[in-house]
Amino acid sequence: MSNKKGLSLPFLIIAIVIGSAIYREFNFETYRFEKPALAVVYILTFVMCVYFMVRGRK
């Protein structure tokens, strides 16, 4: 029998919120972030959430 876990709801909610914040911070006319330091924090948090969601499924 396989012992697969579903997606973690808290990590999914955090990833959606942080992903939308990254999208809002990015300026598509200049291809830059409005606040680069904050964008780095957002991207690191987003990557960590996705990593924990994927790691839990293996």
C-alpha atoms as a PDB file:
ATOM      1  CA  MET A   1       0.000   0.000   0.000  1.00  0.00           C
ATOM      2  CA  SER A   2       1.178   3.491  -0.694  1.00  0.00           C
ATOM      3  CA  ASN A   3       1.383   6.031   2.088  1.00  0.00           C
ATOM      4  CA  LYS A   4       0.906   9.286   0.171  1.00  0.00           C
ATOM      5  CA  LYS A   5      -0.036  12.485   1.928  1.00  0.00           C
ATOM      6  CA  GLY A   6      -2.163  15.244   0.481  1.00  0.00           C
ATOM      7  CA  LEU A   7      -1.135  18.856   0.077  1.00  0.00           C
ATOM      8  CA  SER A   8      -0.684  20.775   3.280  1.00  0.00           C
ATOM      9  CA  LEU A   9      -3.420  23.400   3.452  1.00  0.00           C
ATOM     10  CA  PRO A  10      -1.438  26.000   5.451  1.00  0.00           C
ATOM     11  CA  PHE A  11       1.520  25.797   3.067  1.00  0.00           C
ATOM     12  CA  LEU A  12      -0.834  26.027   0.092  1.00  0.00           C
ATOM     13  CA  ILE A  13      -2.492  29.168   1.467  1.00  0.00           C
ATOM     14  CA  ILE A  14       0.877  30.761   2.256  1.00  0.00           C
ATOM     15  CA  ALA A  15       2.189  29.929  -1.237  1.00  0.00           C
ATOM     16  CA  ILE A  16      -0.874  31.490  -2.898  1.00  0.00           C
ATOM     17  CA  VAL A  17      -0.657  34.680  -0.827  1.00  0.00           C
ATOM     18  CA  ILE A  18       3.102  35.076  -1.297  1.00  0.00           C
ATOM     19  CA  GLY A  19       2.840  34.248  -5.004  1.00  0.00           C
ATOM     20  CA  SER A  20       0.247  36.960  -5.521  1.00  0.00           C
ATOM     21  CA  ALA A  21       2.416  39.430  -3.577  1.00  0.00           C
ATOM     22  CA  ILE A  22       5.381  38.629  -5.827  1.00  0.00           C
ATOM     23  CA  TYR A  23       3.184  39.177  -8.879  1.00  0.00           C
ATOM     24  CA  ARG A  24       1.978  42.561  -7.558  1.00  0.00           C
ATOM     25  CA  GLU A  25       5.521  43.712  -6.721  1.00  0.00           C
ATOM     26  CA  PHE A  26       6.866  42.982 -10.217  1.00  0.00           C
ATOM     27  CA  ASN A  27       6.772  45.822 -12.769  1.00  0.00           C
ATOM     28  CA  PHE A  28       6.272  44.317 -16.224  1.00  0.00           C
ATOM     29  CA  GLU A  29       7.191  47.533 -18.044  1.00  0.00           C
ATOM     30  CA  THR A  30      10.719  47.703 -16.612  1.00  0.00           C
ATOM     31  CA  TYR A  31      11.034  43.990 -15.683  1.00  0.00           C
ATOM     32  CA  ARG A  32      12.119  44.872 -12.146  1.00  0.00           C
ATOM     33  CA  PHE A  33      10.735  44.638  -8.663  1.00  0.00           C
ATOM     34  CA  GLU A  34       9.561  47.823  -6.973  1.00  0.00           C
ATOM     35  CA  LYS A  35      11.226  46.823  -3.685  1.00  0.00           C
ATOM     36  CA  PRO A  36      14.064  44.364  -4.444  1.00  0.00           C
ATOM     37  CA  ALA A  37      14.875  43.493  -0.816  1.00  0.00           C
ATOM     38  CA  LEU A  38      11.261  42.625  -0.056  1.00  0.00           C
ATOM     39  CA  ALA A  39      11.047  40.625  -3.280  1.00  0.00           C
ATOM     40  CA  VAL A  40      13.981  38.461  -2.157  1.00  0.00           C
ATOM     41  CA  VAL A  41      12.185  37.665   1.097  1.00  0.00           C
ATOM     42  CA  TYR A  42       8.974  36.863  -0.783  1.00  0.00           C
ATOM     43  CA  ILE A  43      10.742  34.596  -3.267  1.00  0.00           C
ATOM     44  CA  LEU A  44      12.637  32.709  -0.547  1.00  0.00           C
ATOM     45  CA  THR A  45       9.430  32.171   1.411  1.00  0.00           C
ATOM     46  CA  PHE A  46       7.581  31.021  -1.704  1.00  0.00           C
ATOM     47  CA  VAL A  47      10.334  28.547  -2.647  1.00  0.00           C
ATOM     48  CA  MET A  48      10.445  27.152   0.891  1.00  0.00           C
ATOM     49  CA  CYS A  49       6.662  26.635   0.943  1.00  0.00           C
ATOM     50  CA  VAL A  50       6.718  24.848  -2.407  1.00  0.00           C
ATOM     51  CA  TYR A  51       9.650  22.721  -1.252  1.00  0.00           C
ATOM     52  CA  PHE A  52       7.844  21.634   1.904  1.00  0.00           C
ATOM     53  CA  MET A  53       4.701  20.809  -0.068  1.00  0.00           C
ATOM     54  CA  VAL A  54       6.634  18.696  -2.600  1.00  0.00           C
ATOM     55  CA  ARG A  55       8.820  17.055   0.045  1.00  0.00           C
ATOM     56  CA  GLY A  56       5.784  15.880   1.976  1.00  0.00           C
ATOM     57  CA  ARG A  57       4.357  14.093  -1.058  1.00  0.00           C
ATOM     58  CA  LYS A  58       7.346  11.782  -1.566  1.00  0.00           C
END
